[in-house]
Every structure is written in structure tokens, then in C-alpha cells.
Amino acid sequence: MTFSIVAYCQRTGQVGVAAATAVQAVGKLACHAVANVGAIASQALTNPYLAYDGLRLLERGISAEEALELVLKTDAQADKRQVGVVDNHGRTAAWTGSEAIPWAGHIGGRHCSIQGNRLAGPQVLDRALQSMLATEHLDLAERLTLALLAGDEAGGDTKGERSVNVLVFSTEEYALCDIRIDDHGAPMEELRRLFRVYQEKILPNVLGLPKRADIPRPSVQQGSRH
């Protein structure tokens, strides 16, 4: 009952994940990403630990495909899960369990993977992929937003959508974009509105935030006291 995209931008090094679903708060448990590491969508009968553990593996340099294989081995209900993974080299992997609600499936493209269950049909993934490939000149947040909208226009979730999330990291530890609609009667229209707000008002502020290169990490000296 979720439609998602994980992607890497070769031009900027950004990683991101976007998702829409018919239930509330898709961004809380389905969408996960870490700067300079990768992004994972964990959905269907959701197991967030597939994403948490998968990102830790990616951080160690393990590929998207290997990380997905390893985390699925730990899950006794893997046939009920759906997962999409992209690492910071643009390698992707995906899994659709045999017990995911039909229509269910996934499709891979250049530096992206798109997956969904309880969809109107494979055209939802096809349209989203076409959008991703046609917009590589744009920033990743806009590409993910447009791809979600394209998938929705092709039928999306057969139960409709209730929540949406677009999450993107650049090189900093904080998110470059985190548009989160947790409960809305028309979340795709709200996504259009909030993305304009993000571009015009939020992004300039985020770009002006302190950078890790200018902020030394605190160190604890032996014997130091408060």
C-alpha cells in the first residue's frame, strides 16, 4: 500500500527517498536516508530495521545489493516486505515479497529504484521511472516530487493517498529537503504547494546553515569535568 522511489544524483552526490501511501505518516517508518551513505524505502508490512541495518551496512562500504541480501536473511517474514535501496555510488537493489498486496513490483533505472504495492498497475512505476530519467538536469528533490506526481497520475495507490514524504540529503548531516505530509485529504496537491514553499523559502535558509567543514567536532579530554 505504498509507492516509493530511492535515488542517487551523480551530478550532485545527493541521495534521497520519496513515498506516498493511503495511510498516515509514510515518512516516519518507510523513508530513510543518510548523507554520503544511501537511501532505503521499507514498506508493505513495514520492518524499519531493514532500513536501519541496511544503512549501517552501506556505511561500511557494502553495496546496495549485498546489504539488501544480508538484511532480508534476518527477517522471518521477508515475503511480506518490500524494500528499495540505493547506495552513494548509485547502485540499486529492490525486493518485492511474494505476499505483498497486488499489484506489487519494482523497477530499476539509472541510479534509482521504484517500488510499490497495492498499485493500479505496472504503469505507475513506468511513469515514475520515465519522469526520473527525463529530469536528470534538475535537483533531486524536484525530480522525486515530479516522479511521485507522475506515478499518482498513472493511478498510484488503488486506495488513494493520505501521506507523502520527500527526503533528500546532500553532503551535510542534516537533510537538504524533508517535505512531510502526514495526514491530508489531497496530499499530492499539498505536495505541489509545499514544494514551491520549499524552493522559495526553505531551501535558501538550509543552504545558509553551518557546514560540518567549518564546525569542529567536540572532543572529550581525559579527566575533563563539567
C-alpha atoms as a PDB file:
ATOM      1  CA  MET A   1       0.000   0.000   0.000  1.00  0.00           C
ATOM      2  CA  THR A   2       2.956   2.254  -0.637  1.00  0.00           C
ATOM      3  CA  PHE A   3       4.669   3.659  -3.725  1.00  0.00           C
ATOM      4  CA  SER A   4       8.283   4.798  -3.289  1.00  0.00           C
ATOM      5  CA  ILE A   5      11.446   5.916  -5.064  1.00  0.00           C
ATOM      6  CA  VAL A   6      15.065   5.759  -3.903  1.00  0.00           C
ATOM      7  CA  ALA A   7      17.631   7.643  -5.951  1.00  0.00           C
ATOM      8  CA  TYR A   8      21.178   8.971  -6.209  1.00  0.00           C
ATOM      9  CA  CYS A   9      22.178  12.038  -8.208  1.00  0.00           C
ATOM     10  CA  GLN A  10      25.507  11.506  -9.939  1.00  0.00           C
ATOM     11  CA  ARG A  11      25.814  15.220 -10.702  1.00  0.00           C
ATOM     12  CA  THR A  12      25.477  16.425  -7.088  1.00  0.00           C
ATOM     13  CA  GLY A  13      26.102  13.326  -4.965  1.00  0.00           C
ATOM     14  CA  GLN A  14      22.716  13.727  -3.300  1.00  0.00           C
ATOM     15  CA  VAL A  15      20.710  10.714  -2.104  1.00  0.00           C
ATOM     16  CA  GLY A  16      17.004  10.647  -1.478  1.00  0.00           C
ATOM     17  CA  VAL A  17      13.818   8.719  -0.945  1.00  0.00           C
ATOM     18  CA  ALA A  18      10.214   9.671  -1.608  1.00  0.00           C
ATOM     19  CA  ALA A  19       6.995   7.815  -0.893  1.00  0.00           C
ATOM     20  CA  ALA A  20       3.227   8.104  -0.865  1.00  0.00           C
ATOM     21  CA  THR A  21       0.668   5.844   0.767  1.00  0.00           C
ATOM     22  CA  ALA A  22      -3.004   5.570   1.698  1.00  0.00           C
ATOM     23  CA  VAL A  23      -2.277   5.571   5.446  1.00  0.00           C
ATOM     24  CA  GLN A  24      -0.820   8.254   7.692  1.00  0.00           C
ATOM     25  CA  ALA A  25       2.819   9.244   8.221  1.00  0.00           C
ATOM     26  CA  VAL A  26       4.659   7.397   5.447  1.00  0.00           C
ATOM     27  CA  GLY A  27       7.790   9.413   6.230  1.00  0.00           C
ATOM     28  CA  LYS A  28       8.085   8.133   9.787  1.00  0.00           C
ATOM     29  CA  LEU A  29       8.795   4.447   9.153  1.00  0.00           C
ATOM     30  CA  ALA A  30       9.097   3.937   5.385  1.00  0.00           C
ATOM     31  CA  CYS A  31      11.626   6.607   4.321  1.00  0.00           C
ATOM     32  CA  HIS A  32      15.252   6.516   5.471  1.00  0.00           C
ATOM     33  CA  ALA A  33      18.455   8.166   4.210  1.00  0.00           C
ATOM     34  CA  VAL A  34      21.891   9.196   5.446  1.00  0.00           C
ATOM     35  CA  ALA A  35      24.168  11.736   3.789  1.00  0.00           C
ATOM     36  CA  ASN A  36      27.077  10.208   1.856  1.00  0.00           C
ATOM     37  CA  VAL A  37      25.699   6.719   2.563  1.00  0.00           C
ATOM     38  CA  GLY A  38      22.448   5.995   0.738  1.00  0.00           C
ATOM     39  CA  ALA A  39      18.675   5.746   0.999  1.00  0.00           C
ATOM     40  CA  ILE A  40      16.238   2.934   1.741  1.00  0.00           C
ATOM     41  CA  ALA A  41      12.463   2.595   1.498  1.00  0.00           C
ATOM     42  CA  SER A  42      10.985  -0.151   3.701  1.00  0.00           C
ATOM     43  CA  GLN A  43       7.298  -0.803   3.066  1.00  0.00           C
ATOM     44  CA  ALA A  44       4.427  -3.300   2.569  1.00  0.00           C
ATOM     45  CA  LEU A  45       4.297  -4.967   6.012  1.00  0.00           C
ATOM     46  CA  THR A  46       6.873  -2.475   7.212  1.00  0.00           C
ATOM     47  CA  ASN A  47      10.010  -3.511   9.075  1.00  0.00           C
ATOM     48  CA  PRO A  48      12.025  -0.343   9.807  1.00  0.00           C
ATOM     49  CA  TYR A  49      15.020  -2.409  10.931  1.00  0.00           C
ATOM     50  CA  LEU A  50      15.612  -3.457   7.333  1.00  0.00           C
ATOM     51  CA  ALA A  51      16.379   0.201   6.658  1.00  0.00           C
ATOM     52  CA  TYR A  52      18.269   0.907   9.885  1.00  0.00           C
ATOM     53  CA  ASP A  53      20.517  -2.121   9.499  1.00  0.00           C
ATOM     54  CA  GLY A  54      20.803  -1.693   5.749  1.00  0.00           C
ATOM     55  CA  LEU A  55      22.108   1.862   6.097  1.00  0.00           C
ATOM     56  CA  ARG A  56      24.685   0.717   8.636  1.00  0.00           C
ATOM     57  CA  LEU A  57      25.904  -1.850   6.108  1.00  0.00           C
ATOM     58  CA  LEU A  58      26.049   0.743   3.336  1.00  0.00           C
ATOM     59  CA  GLU A  59      28.075   2.992   5.646  1.00  0.00           C
ATOM     60  CA  ARG A  60      30.659   0.200   5.867  1.00  0.00           C
ATOM     61  CA  GLY A  61      31.019   0.224   2.076  1.00  0.00           C
ATOM     62  CA  ILE A  62      28.817  -2.788   1.327  1.00  0.00           C
ATOM     63  CA  SER A  63      26.903  -2.451  -1.938  1.00  0.00           C
ATOM     64  CA  ALA A  64      23.146  -1.934  -2.164  1.00  0.00           C
ATOM     65  CA  GLU A  65      22.611  -5.458  -3.457  1.00  0.00           C
ATOM     66  CA  GLU A  66      24.726  -7.092  -0.755  1.00  0.00           C
ATOM     67  CA  ALA A  67      23.156  -5.012   2.003  1.00  0.00           C
ATOM     68  CA  LEU A  68      19.645  -5.937   0.903  1.00  0.00           C
ATOM     69  CA  GLU A  69      20.535  -9.623   0.736  1.00  0.00           C
ATOM     70  CA  LEU A  70      22.008  -9.551   4.232  1.00  0.00           C
ATOM     71  CA  VAL A  71      19.113  -7.773   5.926  1.00  0.00           C
ATOM     72  CA  LEU A  72      16.486  -9.952   4.274  1.00  0.00           C
ATOM     73  CA  LYS A  73      18.195 -13.024   5.706  1.00  0.00           C
ATOM     74  CA  THR A  74      17.432 -11.698   9.197  1.00  0.00           C
ATOM     75  CA  ASP A  75      13.700 -11.331   8.543  1.00  0.00           C
ATOM     76  CA  ALA A  76      11.439 -14.346   9.026  1.00  0.00           C
ATOM     77  CA  GLN A  77       8.623 -12.512   7.229  1.00  0.00           C
ATOM     78  CA  ALA A  78      10.592 -11.321   4.212  1.00  0.00           C
ATOM     79  CA  ASP A  79       7.842 -12.472   1.845  1.00  0.00           C
ATOM     80  CA  LYS A  80       5.604  -9.762   3.312  1.00  0.00           C
ATOM     81  CA  ARG A  81       8.139  -6.956   2.851  1.00  0.00           C
ATOM     82  CA  GLN A  82       9.075  -4.603   0.055  1.00  0.00           C
ATOM     83  CA  VAL A  83      12.366  -2.724   0.037  1.00  0.00           C
ATOM     84  CA  GLY A  84      14.241  -0.361  -2.281  1.00  0.00           C
ATOM     85  CA  VAL A  85      17.911   0.525  -1.736  1.00  0.00           C
ATOM     86  CA  VAL A  86      20.378   2.930  -3.349  1.00  0.00           C
ATOM     87  CA  ASP A  87      23.959   3.487  -2.188  1.00  0.00           C
ATOM     88  CA  ASN A  88      26.229   6.508  -2.588  1.00  0.00           C
ATOM     89  CA  HIS A  89      27.674   5.077  -5.808  1.00  0.00           C
ATOM     90  CA  GLY A  90      24.256   4.915  -7.435  1.00  0.00           C
ATOM     91  CA  ARG A  91      23.980   1.124  -7.190  1.00  0.00           C
ATOM     92  CA  THR A  92      20.438  -0.066  -6.524  1.00  0.00           C
ATOM     93  CA  ALA A  93      18.618  -3.155  -5.314  1.00  0.00           C
ATOM     94  CA  ALA A  94      14.994  -3.986  -4.615  1.00  0.00           C
ATOM     95  CA  TRP A  95      12.829  -6.736  -3.179  1.00  0.00           C
ATOM     96  CA  THR A  96       9.122  -7.443  -3.519  1.00  0.00           C
ATOM     97  CA  GLY A  97       7.943 -10.299  -1.335  1.00  0.00           C
ATOM     98  CA  SER A  98       5.526 -12.834  -2.777  1.00  0.00           C
ATOM     99  CA  GLU A  99       2.878 -11.863  -0.189  1.00  0.00           C
ATOM    100  CA  ALA A 100       2.898  -8.114  -0.933  1.00  0.00           C
ATOM    101  CA  ILE A 101      -0.565  -6.780  -1.801  1.00  0.00           C
ATOM    102  CA  PRO A 102      -1.100  -6.872  -5.593  1.00  0.00           C
ATOM    103  CA  TRP A 103      -0.402  -5.202  -7.879  1.00  0.00           C
ATOM    104  CA  ALA A 104       3.108  -5.220  -6.486  1.00  0.00           C
ATOM    105  CA  GLY A 105       6.518  -4.957  -8.097  1.00  0.00           C
ATOM    106  CA  HIS A 106       9.646  -2.898  -8.609  1.00  0.00           C
ATOM    107  CA  ILE A 107      11.643  -1.433 -11.468  1.00  0.00           C
ATOM    108  CA  GLY A 108      15.222  -0.180 -11.646  1.00  0.00           C
ATOM    109  CA  GLY A 109      16.620   2.710 -13.641  1.00  0.00           C
ATOM    110  CA  ARG A 110      19.816   4.710 -13.820  1.00  0.00           C
ATOM    111  CA  HIS A 111      20.759   5.341 -10.169  1.00  0.00           C
ATOM    112  CA  CYS A 112      17.187   4.793  -8.961  1.00  0.00           C
ATOM    113  CA  SER A 113      14.726   2.116  -7.939  1.00  0.00           C
ATOM    114  CA  ILE A 114      10.948   2.447  -7.839  1.00  0.00           C
ATOM    115  CA  GLN A 115       8.713   0.023  -5.978  1.00  0.00           C
ATOM    116  CA  GLY A 116       5.114  -0.248  -4.898  1.00  0.00           C
ATOM    117  CA  ASN A 117       2.301  -2.476  -3.758  1.00  0.00           C
ATOM    118  CA  ARG A 118      -1.484  -2.214  -3.990  1.00  0.00           C
ATOM    119  CA  LEU A 119      -0.928  -0.108  -7.102  1.00  0.00           C
ATOM    120  CA  ALA A 120      -3.206   0.462 -10.076  1.00  0.00           C
ATOM    121  CA  GLY A 121      -0.676  -1.492 -12.153  1.00  0.00           C
ATOM    122  CA  PRO A 122       2.892  -1.513 -13.515  1.00  0.00           C
ATOM    123  CA  GLN A 123       2.210   1.723 -15.380  1.00  0.00           C
ATOM    124  CA  VAL A 124       2.589   3.552 -12.065  1.00  0.00           C
ATOM    125  CA  LEU A 125       6.238   2.520 -11.826  1.00  0.00           C
ATOM    126  CA  ASP A 126       6.820   3.022 -15.551  1.00  0.00           C
ATOM    127  CA  ARG A 127       5.557   6.607 -15.481  1.00  0.00           C
ATOM    128  CA  ALA A 128       7.594   7.450 -12.400  1.00  0.00           C
ATOM    129  CA  LEU A 129      10.730   5.998 -13.987  1.00  0.00           C
ATOM    130  CA  GLN A 130      10.149   7.945 -17.192  1.00  0.00           C
ATOM    131  CA  SER A 131       9.921  11.089 -15.103  1.00  0.00           C
ATOM    132  CA  MET A 132      13.139  10.312 -13.206  1.00  0.00           C
ATOM    133  CA  LEU A 133      15.090   9.686 -16.414  1.00  0.00           C
ATOM    134  CA  ALA A 134      13.726  12.801 -18.129  1.00  0.00           C
ATOM    135  CA  THR A 135      14.647  15.166 -15.285  1.00  0.00           C
ATOM    136  CA  GLU A 136      18.276  14.347 -14.538  1.00  0.00           C
ATOM    137  CA  HIS A 137      19.175  18.008 -15.115  1.00  0.00           C
ATOM    138  CA  LEU A 138      17.058  19.033 -12.109  1.00  0.00           C
ATOM    139  CA  ASP A 139      17.892  18.819  -8.416  1.00  0.00           C
ATOM    140  CA  LEU A 140      16.991  15.524  -6.790  1.00  0.00           C
ATOM    141  CA  ALA A 141      14.190  16.887  -4.591  1.00  0.00           C
ATOM    142  CA  GLU A 142      12.352  18.223  -7.626  1.00  0.00           C
ATOM    143  CA  ARG A 143      12.916  15.011  -9.564  1.00  0.00           C
ATOM    144  CA  LEU A 144      11.466  12.920  -6.737  1.00  0.00           C
ATOM    145  CA  THR A 145       8.492  15.247  -6.391  1.00  0.00           C
ATOM    146  CA  LEU A 146       7.728  15.136 -10.112  1.00  0.00           C
ATOM    147  CA  ALA A 147       8.104  11.348 -10.187  1.00  0.00           C
ATOM    148  CA  LEU A 148       5.643  10.897  -7.318  1.00  0.00           C
ATOM    149  CA  LEU A 149       3.166  13.137  -9.096  1.00  0.00           C
ATOM    150  CA  ALA A 150       3.647  11.195 -12.335  1.00  0.00           C
ATOM    151  CA  GLY A 151       3.036   7.892 -10.581  1.00  0.00           C
ATOM    152  CA  ASP A 152      -0.072   9.262  -8.932  1.00  0.00           C
ATOM    153  CA  GLU A 153      -1.397  10.482 -12.281  1.00  0.00           C
ATOM    154  CA  ALA A 154      -0.932   6.932 -13.614  1.00  0.00           C
ATOM    155  CA  GLY A 155      -3.169   5.527 -10.888  1.00  0.00           C
ATOM    156  CA  GLY A 156      -0.969   5.407  -7.793  1.00  0.00           C
ATOM    157  CA  ASP A 157      -2.275   3.520  -4.776  1.00  0.00           C
ATOM    158  CA  THR A 158      -5.679   1.960  -5.504  1.00  0.00           C
ATOM    159  CA  LYS A 159      -6.875   3.253  -2.115  1.00  0.00           C
ATOM    160  CA  GLY A 160      -5.691   6.773  -2.923  1.00  0.00           C
ATOM    161  CA  GLU A 161      -3.022   8.641  -0.961  1.00  0.00           C
ATOM    162  CA  ARG A 162      -3.101  10.078   2.527  1.00  0.00           C
ATOM    163  CA  SER A 163       0.550  10.883   3.295  1.00  0.00           C
ATOM    164  CA  VAL A 164       3.687  11.832   1.340  1.00  0.00           C
ATOM    165  CA  ASN A 165       7.370  12.325   2.107  1.00  0.00           C
ATOM    166  CA  VAL A 166      10.257  13.682   0.012  1.00  0.00           C
ATOM    167  CA  LEU A 167      13.575  13.325   1.841  1.00  0.00           C
ATOM    168  CA  VAL A 168      16.948  14.334   0.341  1.00  0.00           C
ATOM    169  CA  PHE A 169      20.451  14.612   1.787  1.00  0.00           C
ATOM    170  CA  SER A 170      23.412  16.375   0.243  1.00  0.00           C
ATOM    171  CA  THR A 171      26.856  16.278   1.849  1.00  0.00           C
ATOM    172  CA  GLU A 172      25.767  17.660   5.238  1.00  0.00           C
ATOM    173  CA  GLU A 173      24.397  15.535   8.055  1.00  0.00           C
ATOM    174  CA  TYR A 174      21.104  17.442   8.120  1.00  0.00           C
ATOM    175  CA  ALA A 175      18.511  16.982   5.386  1.00  0.00           C
ATOM    176  CA  LEU A 176      18.588  19.270   2.377  1.00  0.00           C
ATOM    177  CA  CYS A 177      14.872  18.614   1.866  1.00  0.00           C
ATOM    178  CA  ASP A 178      12.281  16.979   4.115  1.00  0.00           C
ATOM    179  CA  ILE A 179       8.764  17.664   2.878  1.00  0.00           C
ATOM    180  CA  ARG A 180       6.470  15.605   5.076  1.00  0.00           C
ATOM    181  CA  ILE A 181       2.696  15.445   4.765  1.00  0.00           C
ATOM    182  CA  ASP A 182       1.489  13.083   7.474  1.00  0.00           C
ATOM    183  CA  ASP A 183      -2.289  13.244   7.006  1.00  0.00           C
ATOM    184  CA  HIS A 184      -4.101  15.136   4.263  1.00  0.00           C
ATOM    185  CA  GLY A 185      -7.188  14.654   2.128  1.00  0.00           C
ATOM    186  CA  ALA A 186      -5.345  15.728  -1.035  1.00  0.00           C
ATOM    187  CA  PRO A 187      -1.647  15.153  -0.285  1.00  0.00           C
ATOM    188  CA  MET A 188      -0.439  15.384  -3.874  1.00  0.00           C
ATOM    189  CA  GLU A 189      -1.884  18.863  -4.277  1.00  0.00           C
ATOM    190  CA  GLU A 190      -0.403  19.766  -0.917  1.00  0.00           C
ATOM    191  CA  LEU A 191       2.939  18.390  -2.138  1.00  0.00           C
ATOM    192  CA  ARG A 192       2.833  20.774  -5.109  1.00  0.00           C
ATOM    193  CA  ARG A 193       2.216  23.691  -2.759  1.00  0.00           C
ATOM    194  CA  LEU A 194       4.824  22.719  -0.182  1.00  0.00           C
ATOM    195  CA  PHE A 195       7.467  22.096  -2.820  1.00  0.00           C
ATOM    196  CA  ARG A 196       7.045  25.688  -4.013  1.00  0.00           C
ATOM    197  CA  VAL A 197       7.386  26.866  -0.417  1.00  0.00           C
ATOM    198  CA  TYR A 198      10.493  24.712  -0.057  1.00  0.00           C
ATOM    199  CA  GLN A 199      12.113  26.156  -3.198  1.00  0.00           C
ATOM    200  CA  GLU A 200      11.284  29.762  -2.394  1.00  0.00           C
ATOM    201  CA  LYS A 201      11.700  29.958   1.380  1.00  0.00           C
ATOM    202  CA  ILE A 202      13.154  26.855   2.999  1.00  0.00           C
ATOM    203  CA  LEU A 203      15.981  25.856   0.649  1.00  0.00           C
ATOM    204  CA  PRO A 204      17.737  29.263   0.804  1.00  0.00           C
ATOM    205  CA  ASN A 205      17.769  29.002   4.609  1.00  0.00           C
ATOM    206  CA  VAL A 206      19.069  25.423   4.555  1.00  0.00           C
ATOM    207  CA  LEU A 207      21.861  26.400   2.166  1.00  0.00           C
ATOM    208  CA  GLY A 208      22.910  29.097   4.616  1.00  0.00           C
ATOM    209  CA  LEU A 209      23.215  26.756   7.602  1.00  0.00           C
ATOM    210  CA  PRO A 210      26.642  25.975   9.118  1.00  0.00           C
ATOM    211  CA  LYS A 211      28.698  23.365   7.295  1.00  0.00           C
ATOM    212  CA  ARG A 212      30.451  20.478   9.016  1.00  0.00           C
ATOM    213  CA  ALA A 213      33.781  21.555   7.486  1.00  0.00           C
ATOM    214  CA  ASP A 214      33.523  24.795   9.487  1.00  0.00           C
ATOM    215  CA  ILE A 215      32.333  23.203  12.745  1.00  0.00           C
ATOM    216  CA  PRO A 216      34.904  21.003  14.507  1.00  0.00           C
ATOM    217  CA  ARG A 217      33.506  18.008  16.299  1.00  0.00           C
ATOM    218  CA  PRO A 218      33.727  18.291  20.093  1.00  0.00           C
ATOM    219  CA  SER A 219      36.372  16.213  21.785  1.00  0.00           C
ATOM    220  CA  VAL A 220      36.352  14.962  25.348  1.00  0.00           C
ATOM    221  CA  GLN A 221      39.690  15.330  27.073  1.00  0.00           C
ATOM    222  CA  GLN A 222      40.652  12.676  29.584  1.00  0.00           C
ATOM    223  CA  GLY A 223      39.925  13.916  33.078  1.00  0.00           C
ATOM    224  CA  SER A 224      37.749  16.811  31.894  1.00  0.00           C
ATOM    225  CA  ARG A 225      34.933  17.964  34.128  1.00  0.00           C
ATOM    226  CA  HIS A 226      31.668  19.813  33.642  1.00  0.00           C
END
